[in-house]
Structure formats: structure tokens, C-alpha cells
Amino acid sequence: MTVDDLRLLGDRLRYGPVPTQAKKVYAYLGRIQDLLEGIPGAVVIRGSVLDACAGCKLPTQEEAIPRFIQEQLTAYIESRRKGRETSVFILNDAEVIVRYRLPMTFLYSLVGDTHAIVLCVARGGRPQGWKPPSYVRFDPSDITNFFAHTLGEQCIYQASMED
């Protein structure tokens, strides 16, 4: 899959459902502007994994953090696209999904023929204000490998990742 394929999907979603066999969950590792330039603004919803958890206190037990993020993110996505017939949800800070080892399956229940989610990964660094659990490592190649392994062709890597 390429950025052009995502642009085509976005264009088709402007007019209604887009039935496909594949789940519409994608990872995009590249310049966000390159992605946004071709997807029609009418279907784009922008958000962030970190914003989904903003204002909520992280659980004190390390093993509870993944479930907490999953629940917050699910509610966040559903509330942001409420009333929209179709959408392409551009979700920044997706490296948190990898770093906290969230199962990708929860995202599959949030898409279908009418909605898509594009997980966008920023260049390196750790999220501001978040202290990761002891089992979390911050290696950008691990993030790339995770999305390439779990999403296969639905992982789109652009050579330049500078904004």
C-alpha cells in the first residue's frame, strides 16, 4: 500500500462506504503533511493517542496502563467521529500503542466499510510527561518493525520523516 492508496480510500469515503476484505487500520511512518495533502478534508478527523488520555490519571500499576490507554482511546475515537457517516481518523503519537504493547485487535472493532484509522508515528523521542513502565523500550526500529509485522502491506513507510 502507498500514500496514494490512502488518498484514493479517503476520496472514495467522501461518497459513502468502501467495502474491502482488509480491515481499514493503517500505520503511516512519514511526514504528516504528505499524508494530509491528498486526503479530502471532509473525511479527515485528526487526533492523538496522548490527547485521548489527557486529563486522566494513569494507573499506578504498570500492567493496568495498556488496558487504560485502550479504553481511553476507544472512547476518544468514538466520540470524535460521532455523527460522521464516513471518516479517515488520523491518529498521531501512535508509537504509544507499540510502546505499551496494546493489541491491535481493539482498533479493528472501530473500523468497517465506513471508517478508517491511520496510525501516525512521529520521529523518535518519548511522549512528554509520561514515565514508561520498566518493560518499555524506546527504539524507533522496534516501532517500525511492530507495525510492519502486524499490519503488513497496510504499513506505509515514507523515507523522509521530518516535519
Protein backbone atom coordinates (compact mmCIF):
# COMPACT_ATOMS: atom_id res chain seq x y z
CA MET A 1 0.00 0.00 0.00
CA THR A 2 1.13 3.55 -0.70
CA VAL A 3 0.18 7.06 0.33
CA ASP A 4 -1.68 7.31 -2.98
CA ASP A 5 -3.78 4.29 -1.99
CA LEU A 6 -4.74 6.06 1.26
CA ARG A 7 -5.62 9.17 -0.71
CA LEU A 8 -7.84 7.10 -3.00
CA LEU A 9 -9.53 5.50 0.01
CA GLY A 10 -10.17 8.94 1.51
CA ASP A 11 -11.61 10.16 -1.77
CA ARG A 12 -13.91 7.15 -2.05
CA LEU A 13 -15.08 7.55 1.57
CA ARG A 14 -16.35 11.04 0.70
CA TYR A 15 -19.10 9.35 -1.27
CA GLY A 16 -20.01 6.55 1.11
CA PRO A 17 -18.92 3.12 2.34
CA VAL A 18 -15.92 1.38 0.79
CA PRO A 19 -16.28 -2.39 1.18
CA THR A 20 -12.95 -4.25 1.34
CA GLN A 21 -11.73 -7.54 2.76
CA ALA A 22 -8.92 -5.85 4.72
CA LYS A 23 -9.51 -4.04 8.00
CA LYS A 24 -9.03 -0.31 7.47
CA VAL A 25 -6.28 0.19 10.06
CA TYR A 26 -3.04 1.56 8.64
CA ALA A 27 0.29 2.73 10.01
CA TYR A 28 1.94 5.72 8.42
CA LEU A 29 5.58 6.46 9.19
CA GLY A 30 6.46 9.68 7.43
CA ARG A 31 5.69 13.37 7.06
CA ILE A 32 2.13 14.04 8.17
CA GLN A 33 1.79 16.86 5.63
CA ASP A 34 2.43 14.43 2.77
CA LEU A 35 -0.46 12.34 4.01
CA LEU A 36 -2.86 15.21 4.65
CA GLU A 37 -2.30 16.91 1.30
CA GLY A 38 -4.21 14.28 -0.63
CA ILE A 39 -6.94 13.11 1.73
CA PRO A 40 -10.11 15.18 1.43
CA GLY A 41 -10.62 17.36 4.50
CA ALA A 42 -14.31 16.43 4.56
CA VAL A 43 -13.49 12.93 5.83
CA VAL A 44 -10.41 13.66 7.95
CA ILE A 45 -10.56 13.67 11.73
CA ARG A 46 -7.29 14.40 13.50
CA GLY A 47 -6.44 13.26 16.98
CA SER A 48 -3.71 11.94 19.23
CA VAL A 49 -3.24 8.92 21.46
CA LEU A 50 -1.86 11.28 24.09
CA ASP A 51 -4.87 13.61 23.82
CA ALA A 52 -7.14 10.62 24.36
CA CYS A 53 -5.56 10.14 27.78
CA ALA A 54 -5.14 13.82 28.67
CA GLY A 55 -6.75 14.84 31.91
CA CYS A 56 -6.90 11.27 33.15
CA LYS A 57 -4.59 9.92 35.78
CA LEU A 58 -2.51 6.97 34.62
CA PRO A 59 -2.98 3.83 36.69
CA THR A 60 -0.25 3.23 39.25
CA GLN A 61 0.09 -0.44 38.38
CA GLU A 62 2.19 -0.92 35.25
CA GLU A 63 0.13 -3.83 33.98
CA ALA A 64 -3.06 -1.70 34.05
CA ILE A 65 -1.68 1.00 31.73
CA PRO A 66 -2.28 -0.80 28.40
CA ARG A 67 -5.93 -1.50 29.23
CA PHE A 68 -6.37 2.08 30.42
CA ILE A 69 -4.96 3.51 27.16
CA GLN A 70 -7.08 1.13 25.09
CA GLU A 71 -10.28 2.16 26.88
CA GLN A 72 -9.49 5.88 26.69
CA LEU A 73 -8.55 5.64 23.02
CA THR A 74 -11.68 3.70 22.08
CA ALA A 75 -13.94 6.27 23.78
CA TYR A 76 -11.95 9.14 22.24
CA ILE A 77 -12.22 7.83 18.67
CA GLU A 78 -15.92 7.03 19.01
CA SER A 79 -16.74 10.47 20.45
CA ARG A 80 -14.70 12.40 17.87
CA ARG A 81 -16.36 10.72 14.91
CA LYS A 82 -19.88 10.74 16.37
CA GLY A 83 -22.41 11.74 13.74
CA ARG A 84 -19.99 11.19 10.86
CA GLU A 85 -21.10 8.71 8.23
CA THR A 86 -17.56 8.16 6.97
CA SER A 87 -14.12 9.17 8.21
CA VAL A 88 -10.38 8.74 8.00
CA PHE A 89 -9.15 9.18 11.57
CA ILE A 90 -5.53 10.39 11.53
CA LEU A 91 -4.15 9.41 14.94
CA ASN A 92 -0.83 10.95 15.97
CA ASP A 93 1.52 9.60 18.66
CA ALA A 94 0.79 6.02 17.61
CA GLU A 95 4.19 4.92 18.93
CA VAL A 96 2.46 4.78 22.34
CA ILE A 97 0.42 1.82 21.05
CA VAL A 98 3.65 -0.07 20.39
CA ARG A 99 5.49 1.09 23.48
CA TYR A 100 2.72 -0.05 25.80
CA ARG A 101 2.11 -3.24 23.81
CA LEU A 102 -1.55 -2.65 23.03
CA PRO A 103 -3.23 -5.35 20.97
CA MET A 104 -4.12 -4.08 17.51
CA THR A 105 -7.40 -6.02 17.55
CA PHE A 106 -9.24 -3.37 19.55
CA LEU A 107 -8.79 -0.96 16.63
CA TYR A 108 -10.37 -3.41 14.20
CA SER A 109 -13.69 -3.09 16.01
CA LEU A 110 -13.62 0.68 15.37
CA VAL A 111 -13.41 0.44 11.57
CA GLY A 112 -15.51 -1.11 8.85
CA ASP A 113 -16.70 -0.12 5.42
CA THR A 114 -17.29 3.48 6.55
CA HIS A 115 -14.31 4.35 8.75
CA ALA A 116 -10.52 4.03 8.57
CA ILE A 117 -7.80 4.70 11.14
CA VAL A 118 -4.31 5.81 10.17
CA LEU A 119 -1.78 5.46 12.97
CA CYS A 120 0.90 8.13 12.53
CA VAL A 121 4.32 7.81 14.09
CA ALA A 122 6.41 10.86 14.98
CA ARG A 123 10.19 10.97 14.86
CA GLY A 124 11.73 9.37 17.96
CA GLY A 125 11.59 10.76 21.47
CA ARG A 126 9.29 9.85 24.26
CA PRO A 127 5.90 11.40 24.97
CA GLN A 128 6.17 14.45 27.21
CA GLY A 129 5.22 13.81 30.83
CA TRP A 130 4.89 10.05 30.51
CA LYS A 131 7.12 7.79 32.53
CA PRO A 132 7.13 4.43 30.77
CA PRO A 133 6.86 1.16 32.64
CA SER A 134 10.08 -0.77 33.15
CA TYR A 135 9.37 -3.17 30.27
CA VAL A 136 9.02 -0.36 27.72
CA ARG A 137 11.95 0.40 25.42
CA PHE A 138 12.27 3.34 23.07
CA ASP A 139 13.87 2.05 19.91
CA PRO A 140 12.41 3.57 16.72
CA SER A 141 13.23 0.44 14.72
CA ASP A 142 11.09 -1.60 17.14
CA ILE A 143 8.16 0.66 16.33
CA THR A 144 8.68 0.32 12.59
CA ASN A 145 9.12 -3.45 12.88
CA PHE A 146 5.97 -3.81 15.01
CA PHE A 147 3.74 -2.03 12.52
CA ALA A 148 5.35 -3.75 9.54
CA HIS A 149 4.83 -7.14 11.21
CA THR A 150 1.27 -6.59 12.50
CA LEU A 151 -0.14 -4.62 9.56
CA GLY A 152 1.94 -5.97 6.69
CA GLU A 153 1.10 -4.12 3.48
CA GLN A 154 -1.02 -1.66 5.45
CA CYS A 155 2.15 -0.17 6.96
CA ILE A 156 3.31 2.73 4.83
CA TYR A 157 6.85 3.97 5.33
CA GLN A 158 7.98 7.23 3.76
CA ALA A 159 11.76 7.76 3.56
CA SER A 160 11.67 11.29 4.98
CA MET A 161 10.19 11.57 8.45
CA GLU A 162 10.95 15.22 9.11
CA ASP A 163 8.09 17.66 9.63
